[in-house]
Amino acid sequence: MNVVLTTNSPGEVSAWVRPVIKKLNEKNIKINIYVFIPPCVFSSGKEAKVLLGLKGVEEVYNSKDYLKFILFNIRPSNFKTAKKGFVLFLGGDLMHAVFLAKRLNYPVYSYTERDYGFIKSIKKFYVSDQKIYQKLLKKGVDPAKLKVVGNLIIDSIQPVLTDKQAKAKLNKKDDQIIINLMPGSRPREFEYTLPLFLNTAIEIKQKKSKYRFILTKSPFIDEKEIKQSLRDKRIKADTAYKKEENRLSIDDFEIEIYDEVSYSIMRESDFTLTIPGTNNLELAVLETPMLVILPLNKPELIPLPGLIGLIGEIPLLGKFLKRIIIPKMSRNRKYISSINLFYEEEIVPEMRGLIDNQDLTAKILDLLNGEGIEVMKKRLQNLRLEKGAADHIINDILQDLNLKKGE
């Protein structure tokens, strides 16, 4: 049987695709897993590399492969023919999953936390919670096509180290407060955000020596983006990337870079500075306090969904439109962090707008010196987010297809 997944961005590859593939590998069924990455402004360009590193993935096809197949019926290389199969939407634009399903004559299923569409074409919508379930009901989706399964992001969070092992890896001292920097997983946002984070670290270190900074690097970011970021003239100190030691040297202190056992490192951090994205919910599950910021100093660097997103990528015109549209969109949104959006209340603090390192330093020190961290920890501990979405989705699809073990 062929399992065809569609996805697009770093967050969805890590938090949606990974747990689904892991669950598929655990089933006693004969399958070929193919992943398509259709055209999308949210893509980092590194998705295929990361996906090919996942056990069970036969092939990953990029936007060119996808377009050739959809437009001209040119079957991608190494794509095996199978009468049985299904398409599962795990990010991107839903229409791409629908087009693939029609081309392959497979049923199409969708996991969603917000999007819907192509109601007649989708066999079933798997949704993360009752709020989305009720929203899709009101939009006219047949309740027989809806199933609440929970949030896939929670399934993806699997720290591999114990608390003791993580502390040893970090060489964490009792009198240290570890601040974890997570400046994004897309090259453009990383290259702009890292200098702001570094300037903030420089300023905090000048004021408080007990704070220690680390950087948890996304697998979608490599040496090229790090070096490009360090060339930014905004950085207020001499900075160097020590590749062999995997750390940044900044004047009289260093920032260690961690790109493995990320969830263990995230859990053991005392506080995280990050931007809106999947890791907000991941950090919440790990009960790690955070500050989520959305700098609007350069709104043209922020991707947008749908048609407006494609227009936003047009040279000159796109930049002009984004500078107008994105600040307006930000003002119309109550929250920017995925965890706050999920609960529709301020679970973790946010900052947005024109942000400089002085404002950021003041906000962080205020949180760390006051009761903000303890209050946030208690909120996060009370969330009780449960795993199981991937299992619900796969079991339901296999039952729907009447697939028996060993087939």
Protein backbone atom coordinates (compact mmCIF):
# COMPACT_ATOMS: atom_id res chain seq x y z
CA MET A 1 0.00 0.00 0.00
CA ASN A 2 1.17 3.52 -0.77
CA VAL A 3 1.01 6.18 1.91
CA VAL A 4 1.34 9.64 0.36
CA LEU A 5 1.89 12.56 2.73
CA THR A 6 1.89 16.27 1.84
CA THR A 7 3.67 18.81 3.98
CA ASN A 8 5.59 22.06 3.66
CA SER A 9 7.30 23.79 6.57
CA PRO A 10 9.83 22.94 9.30
CA GLY A 11 7.22 22.92 12.05
CA GLU A 12 4.90 20.54 10.23
CA VAL A 13 7.70 18.19 9.20
CA SER A 14 8.95 17.94 12.78
CA ALA A 15 5.69 18.03 14.68
CA TRP A 16 3.13 16.44 12.32
CA VAL A 17 4.91 14.22 9.81
CA ARG A 18 7.46 12.70 12.17
CA PRO A 19 4.98 11.22 14.71
CA VAL A 20 2.71 9.94 11.91
CA ILE A 21 5.61 8.16 10.20
CA LYS A 22 6.76 6.74 13.52
CA LYS A 23 3.28 5.35 14.14
CA LEU A 24 3.10 3.90 10.59
CA ASN A 25 6.42 2.12 11.18
CA GLU A 26 4.97 0.49 14.30
CA LYS A 27 2.07 -1.08 12.37
CA ASN A 28 2.45 -4.56 10.91
CA ILE A 29 1.53 -3.52 7.38
CA LYS A 30 3.38 -3.46 4.07
CA ILE A 31 3.64 0.16 2.98
CA ASN A 32 5.63 2.55 0.82
CA ILE A 33 5.79 6.03 2.41
CA TYR A 34 6.18 8.94 -0.02
CA VAL A 35 6.25 12.60 0.96
CA PHE A 36 5.45 15.46 -1.42
CA ILE A 37 6.53 19.04 -0.70
CA PRO A 38 4.37 21.22 -2.97
CA PRO A 39 5.16 24.92 -3.61
CA CYS A 40 4.87 26.94 -0.38
CA VAL A 41 6.21 30.26 0.96
CA PHE A 42 6.66 28.71 4.43
CA SER A 43 9.19 26.15 3.23
CA SER A 44 12.79 26.46 4.44
CA GLY A 45 14.25 24.50 1.53
CA LYS A 46 15.68 21.90 3.93
CA GLU A 47 12.54 19.80 4.39
CA ALA A 48 13.59 17.02 1.98
CA LYS A 49 16.93 16.53 3.72
CA VAL A 50 15.27 16.16 7.12
CA LEU A 51 12.49 13.90 5.80
CA LEU A 52 14.92 11.52 4.11
CA GLY A 53 16.51 10.99 7.50
CA LEU A 54 13.27 9.55 8.90
CA LYS A 55 13.01 5.77 9.05
CA GLY A 56 10.51 4.33 6.59
CA VAL A 57 10.42 7.18 4.07
CA GLU A 58 10.92 5.75 0.57
CA GLU A 59 11.21 9.01 -1.36
CA VAL A 60 10.65 12.75 -0.94
CA TYR A 61 9.46 14.78 -3.92
CA ASN A 62 9.95 18.53 -4.29
CA SER A 63 7.67 21.12 -5.86
CA LYS A 64 9.02 20.45 -9.38
CA ASP A 65 8.32 16.73 -9.09
CA TYR A 66 4.85 17.53 -7.79
CA LEU A 67 4.01 19.99 -10.58
CA LYS A 68 5.24 17.61 -13.31
CA PHE A 69 3.05 14.87 -11.90
CA ILE A 70 -0.08 17.02 -11.47
CA LEU A 71 0.19 19.03 -14.69
CA PHE A 72 1.68 16.48 -17.10
CA ASN A 73 1.18 13.13 -15.36
CA ILE A 74 4.93 12.52 -15.29
CA ARG A 75 5.25 10.01 -12.48
CA PRO A 76 8.10 10.83 -10.05
CA SER A 77 11.12 8.55 -10.07
CA ASN A 78 11.02 5.49 -7.80
CA PHE A 79 7.30 5.92 -7.14
CA LYS A 80 5.93 2.39 -7.04
CA THR A 81 2.47 1.60 -8.36
CA ALA A 82 -0.02 0.26 -5.83
CA LYS A 83 -3.78 -0.18 -6.15
CA LYS A 84 -4.29 0.46 -2.45
CA GLY A 85 -3.24 3.70 -0.86
CA PHE A 86 -4.27 7.01 0.64
CA VAL A 87 -3.17 10.65 0.75
CA LEU A 88 -2.86 12.39 4.11
CA PHE A 89 -2.62 16.18 4.29
CA LEU A 90 -0.08 17.23 6.93
CA GLY A 91 0.55 20.84 6.00
CA GLY A 92 0.77 23.24 3.10
CA ASP A 93 -2.21 24.01 0.91
CA LEU A 94 -5.01 21.45 1.08
CA MET A 95 -5.61 21.62 -2.68
CA HIS A 96 -2.27 19.90 -3.35
CA ALA A 97 -3.33 16.84 -1.35
CA VAL A 98 -6.65 16.79 -3.23
CA PHE A 99 -4.91 17.03 -6.63
CA LEU A 100 -2.56 14.16 -5.74
CA ALA A 101 -5.45 12.00 -4.54
CA LYS A 102 -7.32 12.54 -7.81
CA ARG A 103 -4.23 11.77 -9.88
CA LEU A 104 -3.59 8.57 -7.90
CA ASN A 105 -7.24 7.63 -7.44
CA TYR A 106 -6.70 7.37 -3.67
CA PRO A 107 -8.93 8.68 -0.86
CA VAL A 108 -7.63 11.81 0.84
CA TYR A 109 -7.65 12.56 4.56
CA SER A 110 -6.70 15.78 6.34
CA TYR A 111 -5.27 16.63 9.74
CA THR A 112 -5.95 20.24 10.62
CA GLU A 113 -5.68 22.70 13.47
CA ARG A 114 -7.41 25.46 11.51
CA ASP A 115 -7.72 24.93 7.74
CA TYR A 116 -10.51 23.31 5.85
CA GLY A 117 -11.87 23.25 2.32
CA PHE A 118 -12.60 20.84 -0.53
CA ILE A 119 -15.29 19.39 1.73
CA LYS A 120 -16.65 17.03 -0.94
CA SER A 121 -13.20 15.69 -1.81
CA ILE A 122 -11.91 15.03 1.71
CA LYS A 123 -12.97 11.68 3.12
CA LYS A 124 -12.35 12.70 6.72
CA PHE A 125 -11.01 15.70 8.66
CA TYR A 126 -8.99 14.88 11.77
CA VAL A 127 -9.02 17.91 14.07
CA SER A 128 -7.04 18.79 17.16
CA ASP A 129 -9.86 19.90 19.48
CA GLN A 130 -13.56 20.53 19.98
CA LYS A 131 -13.27 24.21 19.04
CA ILE A 132 -12.15 23.35 15.52
CA TYR A 133 -14.71 20.54 15.37
CA GLN A 134 -17.52 23.01 16.12
CA LYS A 135 -16.08 25.55 13.68
CA LEU A 136 -16.08 23.04 10.81
CA LEU A 137 -19.58 21.90 11.72
CA LYS A 138 -20.78 25.49 11.37
CA LYS A 139 -19.02 25.68 7.99
CA GLY A 140 -21.17 22.80 6.75
CA VAL A 141 -18.83 19.83 7.15
CA ASP A 142 -20.75 16.57 7.66
CA PRO A 143 -20.16 15.35 11.27
CA ALA A 144 -19.48 11.87 9.81
CA LYS A 145 -16.39 13.41 8.19
CA LEU A 146 -15.08 14.88 11.45
CA LYS A 147 -13.06 13.25 14.21
CA VAL A 148 -11.30 14.89 17.18
CA VAL A 149 -7.92 13.18 17.65
CA GLY A 150 -5.87 15.63 19.72
CA ASN A 151 -2.83 17.68 18.83
CA LEU A 152 -0.12 15.98 16.75
CA ILE A 153 2.56 18.32 18.08
CA ILE A 154 2.26 16.69 21.49
CA ASP A 155 3.03 13.27 19.96
CA SER A 156 6.27 14.61 18.51
CA ILE A 157 7.74 15.57 21.90
CA GLN A 158 9.94 12.75 23.14
CA PRO A 159 12.93 13.78 25.29
CA VAL A 160 15.53 11.01 25.10
CA LEU A 161 17.58 12.03 28.15
CA THR A 162 16.58 11.93 31.80
CA ASP A 163 16.75 15.15 33.82
CA LYS A 164 20.06 14.02 35.29
CA GLN A 165 21.52 13.18 31.87
CA ALA A 166 20.37 16.49 30.40
CA LYS A 167 21.93 18.44 33.28
CA ALA A 168 25.18 16.54 32.77
CA LYS A 169 25.16 17.26 29.03
CA LEU A 170 24.61 20.94 29.74
CA ASN A 171 27.13 20.86 32.61
CA LYS A 172 24.51 22.85 34.50
CA LYS A 173 25.54 24.49 37.77
CA ASP A 174 23.06 25.03 40.60
CA ASP A 175 23.62 28.78 40.66
CA GLN A 176 23.17 29.23 36.89
CA ILE A 177 20.04 30.28 35.05
CA ILE A 178 20.10 28.91 31.50
CA ILE A 179 18.44 31.05 28.84
CA ASN A 180 17.80 29.12 25.63
CA LEU A 181 17.77 31.08 22.37
CA MET A 182 15.54 29.68 19.61
CA PRO A 183 15.65 32.18 16.71
CA GLY A 184 13.62 30.20 14.15
CA SER A 185 13.88 27.41 11.60
CA ARG A 186 13.56 29.32 8.31
CA PRO A 187 16.78 30.88 6.98
CA ARG A 188 15.41 34.40 6.49
CA GLU A 189 13.86 34.67 9.95
CA PHE A 190 16.91 33.05 11.59
CA GLU A 191 19.35 35.41 9.90
CA TYR A 192 17.38 38.45 11.05
CA THR A 193 16.43 37.26 14.55
CA LEU A 194 19.76 35.83 15.73
CA PRO A 195 21.56 39.24 15.80
CA LEU A 196 18.72 40.68 17.92
CA PHE A 197 18.97 37.73 20.31
CA LEU A 198 22.77 38.03 20.50
CA ASN A 199 22.63 41.76 21.30
CA THR A 200 20.14 40.95 24.05
CA ALA A 201 22.45 38.26 25.43
CA ILE A 202 25.37 40.71 25.39
CA GLU A 203 23.38 43.30 27.33
CA ILE A 204 22.07 40.81 29.89
CA LYS A 205 25.54 39.35 30.48
CA GLN A 206 26.82 42.85 31.22
CA LYS A 207 24.15 43.24 33.89
CA LYS A 208 23.90 39.71 35.31
CA SER A 209 26.79 37.24 35.26
CA LYS A 210 24.73 34.29 36.61
CA TYR A 211 22.79 34.00 33.34
CA ARG A 212 24.15 31.51 30.85
CA PHE A 213 23.02 31.43 27.22
CA ILE A 214 22.68 28.44 24.91
CA LEU A 215 21.22 28.12 21.41
CA THR A 216 19.01 25.22 20.31
CA LYS A 217 19.47 25.01 16.56
CA SER A 218 16.77 23.71 14.25
CA PRO A 219 17.79 20.89 11.87
CA PHE A 220 16.57 23.20 9.08
CA ILE A 221 19.40 25.65 9.83
CA ASP A 222 22.99 24.94 8.87
CA GLU A 223 26.44 26.54 8.97
CA LYS A 224 25.63 28.85 6.07
CA GLU A 225 22.80 30.59 7.93
CA ILE A 226 24.87 30.91 11.12
CA LYS A 227 27.78 32.56 9.32
CA GLN A 228 25.44 34.82 7.37
CA SER A 229 23.79 35.96 10.60
CA LEU A 230 27.12 36.79 12.22
CA ARG A 231 27.96 39.16 9.36
CA ASP A 232 25.07 41.41 10.41
CA LYS A 233 26.40 44.85 11.30
CA ARG A 234 23.79 45.20 14.05
CA ILE A 235 25.73 42.83 16.33
CA LYS A 236 27.40 44.96 19.01
CA ALA A 237 30.44 42.78 19.69
CA ASP A 238 33.09 40.70 17.98
CA THR A 239 31.44 37.36 17.26
CA ALA A 240 32.81 34.15 15.82
CA TYR A 241 31.40 30.72 15.01
CA LYS A 242 33.59 27.87 16.29
CA LYS A 243 32.40 25.00 14.14
CA GLU A 244 34.44 22.21 15.74
CA GLU A 245 33.34 23.22 19.24
CA ASN A 246 29.81 24.00 18.02
CA ARG A 247 29.57 27.32 19.80
CA LEU A 248 29.51 31.07 19.28
CA SER A 249 32.23 33.24 20.79
CA ILE A 250 31.03 36.72 21.78
CA ASP A 251 33.68 38.98 23.35
CA ASP A 252 34.25 37.45 26.80
CA PHE A 253 31.61 34.71 26.83
CA GLU A 254 30.42 31.84 24.67
CA ILE A 255 27.06 30.42 23.60
CA GLU A 256 26.96 26.66 23.15
CA ILE A 257 24.90 25.36 20.22
CA TYR A 258 22.78 22.24 20.66
CA ASP A 259 21.38 20.49 17.60
CA GLU A 260 20.76 17.04 19.10
CA VAL A 261 18.47 15.78 21.89
CA SER A 262 16.67 19.09 21.47
CA TYR A 263 13.64 18.25 23.59
CA SER A 264 15.83 17.27 26.54
CA ILE A 265 17.75 20.55 26.23
CA MET A 266 14.53 22.56 25.89
CA ARG A 267 13.07 20.88 28.98
CA GLU A 268 16.18 21.52 31.09
CA SER A 269 16.43 25.21 30.15
CA ASP A 270 15.16 27.66 32.75
CA PHE A 271 13.79 30.12 30.21
CA THR A 272 13.54 30.37 26.41
CA LEU A 273 13.50 33.35 24.09
CA THR A 274 11.77 32.43 20.84
CA ILE A 275 9.48 33.55 18.01
CA PRO A 276 5.97 32.35 17.06
CA GLY A 277 5.93 28.77 15.84
CA THR A 278 5.58 25.11 16.66
CA ASN A 279 8.18 25.24 19.41
CA ASN A 280 5.86 27.43 21.53
CA LEU A 281 3.54 24.48 22.08
CA GLU A 282 6.50 22.10 22.41
CA LEU A 283 8.03 24.25 25.15
CA ALA A 284 4.64 24.45 26.86
CA VAL A 285 4.36 20.64 26.94
CA LEU A 286 7.89 20.52 28.38
CA GLU A 287 6.76 23.11 30.98
CA THR A 288 9.57 25.51 30.02
CA PRO A 289 8.83 29.24 30.59
CA MET A 290 9.30 31.41 27.52
CA LEU A 291 8.94 34.83 25.97
CA VAL A 292 7.56 34.81 22.41
CA ILE A 293 8.45 37.84 20.28
CA LEU A 294 7.38 38.98 16.83
CA PRO A 295 9.70 41.73 15.58
CA LEU A 296 7.95 43.84 12.95
CA ASN A 297 11.08 45.84 12.17
CA LYS A 298 11.25 44.02 8.81
CA PRO A 299 7.77 42.63 8.10
CA GLU A 300 8.78 41.66 4.56
CA LEU A 301 10.69 38.70 6.04
CA ILE A 302 7.50 37.13 7.43
CA PRO A 303 5.76 34.58 5.15
CA LEU A 304 1.99 34.73 4.65
CA PRO A 305 -0.42 31.92 3.73
CA GLY A 306 -2.51 31.55 0.56
CA LEU A 307 -2.60 33.81 -2.47
CA ILE A 308 -1.45 36.88 -0.54
CA GLY A 309 1.62 34.88 0.48
CA LEU A 310 2.51 34.18 -3.14
CA ILE A 311 2.00 37.85 -4.04
CA GLY A 312 4.19 38.76 -1.07
CA GLU A 313 7.11 36.96 -2.68
CA ILE A 314 7.03 39.13 -5.82
CA PRO A 315 10.15 41.35 -5.82
CA LEU A 316 9.57 45.00 -4.78
CA LEU A 317 5.75 44.76 -4.90
CA GLY A 318 5.67 41.95 -2.33
CA LYS A 319 7.93 43.81 0.07
CA PHE A 320 5.80 46.96 -0.21
CA LEU A 321 2.56 45.05 0.40
CA LYS A 322 3.92 43.13 3.37
CA ARG A 323 5.04 46.33 5.08
CA ILE A 324 1.42 47.46 4.96
CA ILE A 325 -0.45 44.19 5.49
CA ILE A 326 1.55 42.43 8.22
CA PRO A 327 1.48 45.22 10.88
CA LYS A 328 -2.27 45.52 10.27
CA MET A 329 -2.73 41.74 10.60
CA SER A 330 -0.72 41.80 13.82
CA ARG A 331 -2.95 44.49 15.33
CA ASN A 332 -6.03 42.41 14.52
CA ARG A 333 -4.70 39.31 16.29
CA LYS A 334 -5.06 39.04 20.03
CA TYR A 335 -2.23 36.52 20.37
CA ILE A 336 0.79 35.46 18.31
CA SER A 337 2.07 32.45 20.25
CA SER A 338 0.66 29.05 19.27
CA ILE A 339 0.08 28.10 22.92
CA ASN A 340 -1.85 31.31 23.61
CA LEU A 341 -3.84 30.90 20.40
CA PHE A 342 -4.62 27.30 21.33
CA TYR A 343 -6.07 28.28 24.73
CA GLU A 344 -7.27 31.76 23.72
CA GLU A 345 -5.63 33.27 26.78
CA GLU A 346 -2.17 34.50 27.75
CA ILE A 347 -0.41 31.40 29.02
CA VAL A 348 3.01 32.85 28.15
CA PRO A 349 4.09 36.50 27.66
CA GLU A 350 4.45 38.03 24.20
CA MET A 351 6.11 41.04 22.62
CA ARG A 352 5.49 42.36 19.12
CA GLY A 353 6.11 45.46 17.08
CA LEU A 354 9.33 47.43 16.63
CA ILE A 355 11.59 45.61 19.10
CA ASP A 356 15.17 46.49 20.02
CA ASN A 357 17.53 44.67 22.36
CA GLN A 358 17.07 47.26 25.16
CA ASP A 359 13.32 46.59 25.29
CA LEU A 360 13.91 42.87 25.09
CA THR A 361 16.52 42.92 27.85
CA ALA A 362 14.23 44.89 30.16
CA LYS A 363 11.34 42.48 29.54
CA ILE A 364 13.43 39.35 30.13
CA LEU A 365 15.03 40.68 33.33
CA ASP A 366 11.64 41.77 34.59
CA LEU A 367 10.32 38.23 34.07
CA LEU A 368 13.36 36.54 35.59
CA ASN A 369 13.68 38.86 38.59
CA GLY A 370 9.99 38.92 39.47
CA GLU A 371 7.37 36.22 39.99
CA GLY A 372 6.60 35.93 36.27
CA ILE A 373 8.57 32.69 35.80
CA GLU A 374 6.92 30.86 38.71
CA VAL A 375 3.46 31.99 37.65
CA MET A 376 4.17 30.80 34.11
CA LYS A 377 5.47 27.43 35.33
CA LYS A 378 2.28 26.81 37.30
CA ARG A 379 0.16 27.67 34.26
CA LEU A 380 2.16 25.28 32.08
CA GLN A 381 2.02 22.47 34.65
CA ASN A 382 -1.76 22.73 34.75
CA LEU A 383 -2.25 22.35 30.97
CA ARG A 384 -2.13 18.52 30.98
CA LEU A 385 -1.72 18.09 27.24
CA GLU A 386 -2.13 14.45 26.19
CA LYS A 387 -0.54 12.37 23.42
CA GLY A 388 -2.27 9.96 21.05
CA ALA A 389 -3.26 11.93 17.93
CA ALA A 390 -1.01 9.98 15.53
CA ASP A 391 -2.34 6.64 16.78
CA HIS A 392 -5.95 7.79 16.43
CA ILE A 393 -5.38 9.03 12.87
CA ILE A 394 -3.55 5.95 11.57
CA ASN A 395 -5.87 3.46 13.26
CA ASP A 396 -8.93 5.25 11.89
CA ILE A 397 -7.59 5.35 8.32
CA LEU A 398 -6.58 1.68 8.36
CA GLN A 399 -9.99 0.73 9.71
CA ASP A 400 -11.64 2.92 7.10
CA LEU A 401 -9.70 1.13 4.37
CA ASN A 402 -10.43 -2.27 5.91
CA LEU A 403 -6.72 -3.03 5.97
CA LYS A 404 -5.74 -6.06 7.99
CA LYS A 405 -2.39 -6.73 9.64
CA GLY A 406 0.23 -8.10 7.31
CA GLU A 407 -1.46 -6.78 4.15
